[in-house]
Amino acid sequence: MNKPTHLSCKDCVDRLGDFVDRELTAEEITAVEQHLEECFGCSREFRFEGAVLESIKVTLRRVQAPPSLLEKIRRSLDS
């Protein structure tokens, strides 16, 4: 296995969204994880972004779609 590429802070932060979504290669994931272990600033940014995403998920779980929208979706899926 190749040694992970060392990432700059900019490169790491640029990849955080894809890292969270697991849309990176195995090598890129390893490089981001390594950078986050070594860099307090990027680690803090990662935790902040994670907290924002979790807050959005919690909020969306409380939002109820109107019955008319649900019915349109059901009809669309049936056809």
PDB file of N, CA and C in Angstrom:
ATOM      1  N   MET A   1       0.844  -1.185   0.000  1.00  0.00           N
ATOM      2  CA  MET A   1       0.000   0.000   0.000  1.00  0.00           C
ATOM      3  C   MET A   1       0.881   1.236   0.000  1.00  0.00           C
ATOM      4  N   ASN A   2       0.487   2.225  -0.767  1.00  0.00           N
ATOM      5  CA  ASN A   2       1.260   3.460  -0.849  1.00  0.00           C
ATOM      6  C   ASN A   2       1.095   4.278   0.417  1.00  0.00           C
ATOM      7  N   LYS A   3       2.152   5.013   0.751  1.00  0.00           N
ATOM      8  CA  LYS A   3       2.087   5.923   1.887  1.00  0.00           C
ATOM      9  C   LYS A   3       1.150   7.067   1.517  1.00  0.00           C
ATOM     10  N   PRO A   4       0.239   7.442   2.431  1.00  0.00           N
ATOM     11  CA  PRO A   4      -0.702   8.516   2.109  1.00  0.00           C
ATOM     12  C   PRO A   4       0.006   9.818   1.773  1.00  0.00           C
ATOM     13  N   THR A   5      -0.572  10.567   0.877  1.00  0.00           N
ATOM     14  CA  THR A   5      -0.055  11.868   0.499  1.00  0.00           C
ATOM     15  C   THR A   5      -0.312  12.841   1.643  1.00  0.00           C
ATOM     16  N   HIS A   6       0.691  13.652   1.958  1.00  0.00           N
ATOM     17  CA  HIS A   6       0.509  14.671   2.994  1.00  0.00           C
ATOM     18  C   HIS A   6      -0.312  15.807   2.399  1.00  0.00           C
ATOM     19  N   LEU A   7      -1.362  16.184   3.100  1.00  0.00           N
ATOM     20  CA  LEU A   7      -2.238  17.248   2.625  1.00  0.00           C
ATOM     21  C   LEU A   7      -1.925  18.565   3.317  1.00  0.00           C
ATOM     22  N   SER A   8      -2.052  19.635   2.573  1.00  0.00           N
ATOM     23  CA  SER A   8      -2.005  20.960   3.188  1.00  0.00           C
ATOM     24  C   SER A   8      -3.346  21.195   3.869  1.00  0.00           C
ATOM     25  N   CYS A   9      -3.409  22.204   4.711  1.00  0.00           N
ATOM     26  CA  CYS A   9      -4.676  22.531   5.370  1.00  0.00           C
ATOM     27  C   CYS A   9      -5.748  22.869   4.333  1.00  0.00           C
ATOM     28  N   LYS A  10      -5.401  23.624   3.310  1.00  0.00           N
ATOM     29  CA  LYS A  10      -6.366  23.979   2.273  1.00  0.00           C
ATOM     30  C   LYS A  10      -6.895  22.727   1.582  1.00  0.00           C
ATOM     31  N   ASP A  11      -6.001  21.816   1.218  1.00  0.00           N
ATOM     32  CA  ASP A  11      -6.425  20.584   0.552  1.00  0.00           C
ATOM     33  C   ASP A  11      -7.324  19.753   1.459  1.00  0.00           C
ATOM     34  N   CYS A  12      -7.009  19.707   2.731  1.00  0.00           N
ATOM     35  CA  CYS A  12      -7.814  18.944   3.680  1.00  0.00           C
ATOM     36  C   CYS A  12      -9.208  19.552   3.807  1.00  0.00           C
ATOM     37  N   VAL A  13      -9.280  20.853   4.035  1.00  0.00           N
ATOM     38  CA  VAL A  13     -10.572  21.518   4.197  1.00  0.00           C
ATOM     39  C   VAL A  13     -11.404  21.391   2.920  1.00  0.00           C
ATOM     40  N   ASP A  14     -10.751  21.479   1.771  1.00  0.00           N
ATOM     41  CA  ASP A  14     -11.461  21.333   0.492  1.00  0.00           C
ATOM     42  C   ASP A  14     -12.097  19.951   0.349  1.00  0.00           C
ATOM     43  N   ARG A  15     -11.541  18.952   1.025  1.00  0.00           N
ATOM     44  CA  ARG A  15     -12.036  17.581   0.904  1.00  0.00           C
ATOM     45  C   ARG A  15     -12.997  17.171   2.025  1.00  0.00           C
ATOM     46  N   LEU A  16     -13.228  18.023   3.006  1.00  0.00           N
ATOM     47  CA  LEU A  16     -14.029  17.615   4.157  1.00  0.00           C
ATOM     48  C   LEU A  16     -15.442  17.180   3.788  1.00  0.00           C
ATOM     49  N   GLY A  17     -16.093  17.894   2.882  1.00  0.00           N
ATOM     50  CA  GLY A  17     -17.445  17.497   2.476  1.00  0.00           C
ATOM     51  C   GLY A  17     -17.465  16.110   1.864  1.00  0.00           C
ATOM     52  N   ASP A  18     -16.538  15.865   0.953  1.00  0.00           N
ATOM     53  CA  ASP A  18     -16.454  14.543   0.329  1.00  0.00           C
ATOM     54  C   ASP A  18     -16.011  13.486   1.333  1.00  0.00           C
ATOM     55  N   PHE A  19     -15.200  13.877   2.299  1.00  0.00           N
ATOM     56  CA  PHE A  19     -14.767  12.946   3.341  1.00  0.00           C
ATOM     57  C   PHE A  19     -15.960  12.497   4.169  1.00  0.00           C
ATOM     58  N   VAL A  20     -16.792  13.429   4.576  1.00  0.00           N
ATOM     59  CA  VAL A  20     -17.988  13.114   5.365  1.00  0.00           C
ATOM     60  C   VAL A  20     -18.919  12.204   4.563  1.00  0.00           C
ATOM     61  N   ASP A  21     -19.045  12.476   3.275  1.00  0.00           N
ATOM     62  CA  ASP A  21     -19.932  11.693   2.413  1.00  0.00           C
ATOM     63  C   ASP A  21     -19.287  10.396   1.924  1.00  0.00           C
ATOM     64  N   ARG A  22     -18.040  10.148   2.314  1.00  0.00           N
ATOM     65  CA  ARG A  22     -17.287   8.953   1.902  1.00  0.00           C
ATOM     66  C   ARG A  22     -17.195   8.855   0.382  1.00  0.00           C
ATOM     67  N   GLU A  23     -16.917   9.998  -0.251  1.00  0.00           N
ATOM     68  CA  GLU A  23     -16.791  10.054  -1.701  1.00  0.00           C
ATOM     69  C   GLU A  23     -15.338  10.207  -2.144  1.00  0.00           C
ATOM     70  N   LEU A  24     -14.405   9.874  -1.263  1.00  0.00           N
ATOM     71  CA  LEU A  24     -12.984   9.936  -1.586  1.00  0.00           C
ATOM     72  C   LEU A  24     -12.447   8.525  -1.801  1.00  0.00           C
ATOM     73  N   THR A  25     -11.299   8.444  -2.438  1.00  0.00           N
ATOM     74  CA  THR A  25     -10.634   7.153  -2.566  1.00  0.00           C
ATOM     75  C   THR A  25     -10.115   6.739  -1.196  1.00  0.00           C
ATOM     76  N   ALA A  26      -9.781   5.471  -1.051  1.00  0.00           N
ATOM     77  CA  ALA A  26      -9.244   4.982   0.217  1.00  0.00           C
ATOM     78  C   ALA A  26      -7.979   5.751   0.598  1.00  0.00           C
ATOM     79  N   GLU A  27      -7.142   6.039  -0.381  1.00  0.00           N
ATOM     80  CA  GLU A  27      -5.906   6.784  -0.113  1.00  0.00           C
ATOM     81  C   GLU A  27      -6.213   8.207   0.367  1.00  0.00           C
ATOM     82  N   GLU A  28      -7.186   8.859  -0.254  1.00  0.00           N
ATOM     83  CA  GLU A  28      -7.558  10.219   0.149  1.00  0.00           C
ATOM     84  C   GLU A  28      -8.164  10.224   1.552  1.00  0.00           C
ATOM     85  N   ILE A  29      -8.979   9.232   1.854  1.00  0.00           N
ATOM     86  CA  ILE A  29      -9.564   9.129   3.199  1.00  0.00           C
ATOM     87  C   ILE A  29      -8.466   9.004   4.234  1.00  0.00           C
ATOM     88  N   THR A  30      -7.497   8.154   3.961  1.00  0.00           N
ATOM     89  CA  THR A  30      -6.378   7.969   4.882  1.00  0.00           C
ATOM     90  C   THR A  30      -5.598   9.270   5.065  1.00  0.00           C
ATOM     91  N   ALA A  31      -5.387   9.992   3.966  1.00  0.00           N
ATOM     92  CA  ALA A  31      -4.638  11.255   4.038  1.00  0.00           C
ATOM     93  C   ALA A  31      -5.397  12.288   4.861  1.00  0.00           C
ATOM     94  N   VAL A  32      -6.710  12.375   4.662  1.00  0.00           N
ATOM     95  CA  VAL A  32      -7.511  13.333   5.432  1.00  0.00           C
ATOM     96  C   VAL A  32      -7.507  12.939   6.904  1.00  0.00           C
ATOM     97  N   GLU A  33      -7.713  11.656   7.191  1.00  0.00           N
ATOM     98  CA  GLU A  33      -7.706  11.201   8.587  1.00  0.00           C
ATOM     99  C   GLU A  33      -6.373  11.516   9.265  1.00  0.00           C
ATOM    100  N   GLN A  34      -5.286  11.264   8.553  1.00  0.00           N
ATOM    101  CA  GLN A  34      -3.964  11.547   9.104  1.00  0.00           C
ATOM    102  C   GLN A  34      -3.806  13.041   9.376  1.00  0.00           C
ATOM    103  N   HIS A  35      -4.235  13.851   8.437  1.00  0.00           N
ATOM    104  CA  HIS A  35      -4.116  15.302   8.616  1.00  0.00           C
ATOM    105  C   HIS A  35      -4.954  15.762   9.805  1.00  0.00           C
ATOM    106  N   LEU A  36      -6.177  15.235   9.930  1.00  0.00           N
ATOM    107  CA  LEU A  36      -7.043  15.638  11.043  1.00  0.00           C
ATOM    108  C   LEU A  36      -6.456  15.243  12.393  1.00  0.00           C
ATOM    109  N   GLU A  37      -5.729  14.134  12.433  1.00  0.00           N
ATOM    110  CA  GLU A  37      -5.082  13.713  13.681  1.00  0.00           C
ATOM    111  C   GLU A  37      -3.946  14.650  14.070  1.00  0.00           C
ATOM    112  N   GLU A  38      -3.319  15.252  13.075  1.00  0.00           N
ATOM    113  CA  GLU A  38      -2.126  16.066  13.319  1.00  0.00           C
ATOM    114  C   GLU A  38      -2.394  17.565  13.383  1.00  0.00           C
ATOM    115  N   CYS A  39      -3.544  18.011  12.874  1.00  0.00           N
ATOM    116  CA  CYS A  39      -3.778  19.451  12.730  1.00  0.00           C
ATOM    117  C   CYS A  39      -4.995  19.878  13.550  1.00  0.00           C
ATOM    118  N   PHE A  40      -4.752  20.649  14.596  1.00  0.00           N
ATOM    119  CA  PHE A  40      -5.828  21.103  15.464  1.00  0.00           C
ATOM    120  C   PHE A  40      -6.824  21.985  14.707  1.00  0.00           C
ATOM    121  N   GLY A  41      -6.332  22.900  13.870  1.00  0.00           N
ATOM    122  CA  GLY A  41      -7.207  23.819  13.149  1.00  0.00           C
ATOM    123  C   GLY A  41      -8.174  23.094  12.221  1.00  0.00           C
ATOM    124  N   CYS A  42      -7.668  22.163  11.454  1.00  0.00           N
ATOM    125  CA  CYS A  42      -8.527  21.409  10.531  1.00  0.00           C
ATOM    126  C   CYS A  42      -9.461  20.477  11.291  1.00  0.00           C
ATOM    127  N   SER A  43      -8.965  19.918  12.367  1.00  0.00           N
ATOM    128  CA  SER A  43      -9.804  19.053  13.198  1.00  0.00           C
ATOM    129  C   SER A  43     -10.971  19.846  13.775  1.00  0.00           C
ATOM    130  N   ARG A  44     -10.703  21.057  14.213  1.00  0.00           N
ATOM    131  CA  ARG A  44     -11.752  21.930  14.739  1.00  0.00           C
ATOM    132  C   ARG A  44     -12.767  22.266  13.640  1.00  0.00           C
ATOM    133  N   GLU A  45     -12.290  22.564  12.444  1.00  0.00           N
ATOM    134  CA  GLU A  45     -13.166  22.858  11.300  1.00  0.00           C
ATOM    135  C   GLU A  45     -14.038  21.643  10.975  1.00  0.00           C
ATOM    136  N   PHE A  46     -13.445  20.453  11.007  1.00  0.00           N
ATOM    137  CA  PHE A  46     -14.176  19.212  10.736  1.00  0.00           C
ATOM    138  C   PHE A  46     -15.275  19.002  11.784  1.00  0.00           C
ATOM    139  N   ARG A  47     -14.952  19.213  13.043  1.00  0.00           N
ATOM    140  CA  ARG A  47     -15.966  19.051  14.101  1.00  0.00           C
ATOM    141  C   ARG A  47     -17.079  20.085  13.953  1.00  0.00           C
ATOM    142  N   PHE A  48     -16.719  21.313  13.579  1.00  0.00           N
ATOM    143  CA  PHE A  48     -17.725  22.354  13.367  1.00  0.00           C
ATOM    144  C   PHE A  48     -18.664  21.964  12.227  1.00  0.00           C
ATOM    145  N   GLU A  49     -18.101  21.562  11.091  1.00  0.00           N
ATOM    146  CA  GLU A  49     -18.934  21.168   9.952  1.00  0.00           C
ATOM    147  C   GLU A  49     -19.814  19.968  10.313  1.00  0.00           C
ATOM    148  N   GLY A  50     -19.256  19.026  11.063  1.00  0.00           N
ATOM    149  CA  GLY A  50     -20.036  17.873  11.498  1.00  0.00           C
ATOM    150  C   GLY A  50     -21.198  18.284  12.387  1.00  0.00           C
ATOM    151  N   ALA A  51     -20.963  19.240  13.272  1.00  0.00           N
ATOM    152  CA  ALA A  51     -22.026  19.718  14.160  1.00  0.00           C
ATOM    153  C   ALA A  51     -23.119  20.427  13.364  1.00  0.00           C
ATOM    154  N   VAL A  52     -22.736  21.197  12.356  1.00  0.00           N
ATOM    155  CA  VAL A  52     -23.721  21.877  11.517  1.00  0.00           C
ATOM    156  C   VAL A  52     -24.572  20.847  10.771  1.00  0.00           C
ATOM    157  N   LEU A  53     -23.932  19.846  10.189  1.00  0.00           N
ATOM    158  CA  LEU A  53     -24.673  18.810   9.466  1.00  0.00           C
ATOM    159  C   LEU A  53     -25.621  18.053  10.389  1.00  0.00           C
ATOM    160  N   GLU A  54     -25.165  17.739  11.583  1.00  0.00           N
ATOM    161  CA  GLU A  54     -26.021  17.024  12.538  1.00  0.00           C
ATOM    162  C   GLU A  54     -27.216  17.888  12.928  1.00  0.00           C
ATOM    163  N   SER A  55     -26.992  19.163  13.112  1.00  0.00           N
ATOM    164  CA  SER A  55     -28.085  20.080  13.441  1.00  0.00           C
ATOM    165  C   SER A  55     -29.118  20.126  12.318  1.00  0.00           C
ATOM    166  N   ILE A  56     -28.652  20.150  11.094  1.00  0.00           N
ATOM    167  CA  ILE A  56     -29.562  20.154   9.943  1.00  0.00           C
ATOM    168  C   ILE A  56     -30.361  18.850   9.907  1.00  0.00           C
ATOM    169  N   LYS A  57     -29.712  17.725  10.139  1.00  0.00           N
ATOM    170  CA  LYS A  57     -30.408  16.432  10.142  1.00  0.00           C
ATOM    171  C   LYS A  57     -31.499  16.399  11.209  1.00  0.00           C
ATOM    172  N   VAL A  58     -31.174  16.877  12.399  1.00  0.00           N
ATOM    173  CA  VAL A  58     -32.157  16.892  13.489  1.00  0.00           C
ATOM    174  C   VAL A  58     -33.347  17.774  13.113  1.00  0.00           C
ATOM    175  N   THR A  59     -33.062  18.933  12.553  1.00  0.00           N
ATOM    176  CA  THR A  59     -34.126  19.845  12.152  1.00  0.00           C
ATOM    177  C   THR A  59     -35.003  19.221  11.072  1.00  0.00           C
ATOM    178  N   LEU A  60     -34.397  18.590  10.096  1.00  0.00           N
ATOM    179  CA  LEU A  60     -35.163  17.988   9.005  1.00  0.00           C
ATOM    180  C   LEU A  60     -36.034  16.834   9.484  1.00  0.00           C
ATOM    181  N   ARG A  61     -35.610  16.135  10.515  1.00  0.00           N
ATOM    182  CA  ARG A  61     -36.429  15.038  11.049  1.00  0.00           C
ATOM    183  C   ARG A  61     -37.725  15.567  11.659  1.00  0.00           C
ATOM    184  N   ARG A  62     -37.717  16.813  12.091  1.00  0.00           N
ATOM    185  CA  ARG A  62     -38.901  17.410  12.717  1.00  0.00           C
ATOM    186  C   ARG A  62     -39.852  18.037  11.701  1.00  0.00           C
ATOM    187  N   VAL A  63     -39.398  18.233  10.479  1.00  0.00           N
ATOM    188  CA  VAL A  63     -40.218  18.855   9.451  1.00  0.00           C
ATOM    189  C   VAL A  63     -41.122  17.790   8.839  1.00  0.00           C
ATOM    190  N   GLN A  64     -42.396  18.088   8.771  1.00  0.00           N
ATOM    191  CA  GLN A  64     -43.354  17.161   8.179  1.00  0.00           C
ATOM    192  C   GLN A  64     -43.799  17.688   6.819  1.00  0.00           C
ATOM    193  N   ALA A  65     -43.762  16.802   5.852  1.00  0.00           N
ATOM    194  CA  ALA A  65     -44.225  17.178   4.521  1.00  0.00           C
ATOM    195  C   ALA A  65     -45.749  17.259   4.527  1.00  0.00           C
ATOM    196  N   PRO A  66     -46.295  18.204   3.778  1.00  0.00           N
ATOM    197  CA  PRO A  66     -47.758  18.298   3.700  1.00  0.00           C
ATOM    198  C   PRO A  66     -48.334  17.021   3.073  1.00  0.00           C
ATOM    199  N   PRO A  67     -49.507  16.596   3.523  1.00  0.00           N
ATOM    200  CA  PRO A  67     -50.128  15.374   2.979  1.00  0.00           C
ATOM    201  C   PRO A  67     -50.264  15.404   1.456  1.00  0.00           C
ATOM    202  N   SER A  68     -50.547  16.566   0.886  1.00  0.00           N
ATOM    203  CA  SER A  68     -50.692  16.656  -0.574  1.00  0.00           C
ATOM    204  C   SER A  68     -49.381  16.325  -1.288  1.00  0.00           C
ATOM    205  N   LEU A  69     -48.260  16.751  -0.713  1.00  0.00           N
ATOM    206  CA  LEU A  69     -46.960  16.434  -1.305  1.00  0.00           C
ATOM    207  C   LEU A  69     -46.686  14.942  -1.206  1.00  0.00           C
ATOM    208  N   LEU A  70     -46.965  14.359  -0.057  1.00  0.00           N
ATOM    209  CA  LEU A  70     -46.753  12.920   0.108  1.00  0.00           C
ATOM    210  C   LEU A  70     -47.583  12.126  -0.894  1.00  0.00           C
ATOM    211  N   GLU A  71     -48.816  12.566  -1.120  1.00  0.00           N
ATOM    212  CA  GLU A  71     -49.685  11.878  -2.081  1.00  0.00           C
ATOM    213  C   GLU A  71     -49.124  11.992  -3.494  1.00  0.00           C
ATOM    214  N   LYS A  72     -48.621  13.161  -3.874  1.00  0.00           N
ATOM    215  CA  LYS A  72     -48.019  13.337  -5.201  1.00  0.00           C
ATOM    216  C   LYS A  72     -46.812  12.421  -5.366  1.00  0.00           C
ATOM    217  N   ILE A  73     -46.010  12.306  -4.333  1.00  0.00           N
ATOM    218  CA  ILE A  73     -44.829  11.435  -4.388  1.00  0.00           C
ATOM    219  C   ILE A  73     -45.267   9.986  -4.544  1.00  0.00           C
ATOM    220  N   ARG A  74     -46.283   9.562  -3.770  1.00  0.00           N
ATOM    221  CA  ARG A  74     -46.772   8.181  -3.872  1.00  0.00           C
ATOM    222  C   ARG A  74     -47.288   7.881  -5.282  1.00  0.00           C
ATOM    223  N   ARG A  75     -48.067   8.811  -5.843  1.00  0.00           N
ATOM    224  CA  ARG A  75     -48.588   8.614  -7.200  1.00  0.00           C
ATOM    225  C   ARG A  75     -47.455   8.530  -8.225  1.00  0.00           C
ATOM    226  N   SER A  76     -46.468   9.368  -8.055  1.00  0.00           N
ATOM    227  CA  SER A  76     -45.329   9.366  -8.960  1.00  0.00           C
ATOM    228  C   SER A  76     -44.566   8.047  -8.874  1.00  0.00           C
ATOM    229  N   LEU A  77     -44.388   7.531  -7.675  1.00  0.00           N
ATOM    230  CA  LEU A  77     -43.676   6.266  -7.503  1.00  0.00           C
ATOM    231  C   LEU A  77     -44.476   5.093  -8.053  1.00  0.00           C
ATOM    232  N   ASP A  78     -45.784   5.171  -7.970  1.00  0.00           N
ATOM    233  CA  ASP A  78     -46.645   4.090  -8.478  1.00  0.00           C
ATOM    234  C   ASP A  78     -46.656   4.024 -10.002  1.00  0.00           C
ATOM    235  N   SER A  79     -46.439   5.174 -10.649  1.00  0.00           N
ATOM    236  CA  SER A  79     -46.507   5.171 -12.124  1.00  0.00           C
ATOM    237  C   SER A  79     -45.201   4.864 -12.786  1.00  0.00           C
TER     238      SER A  79
END
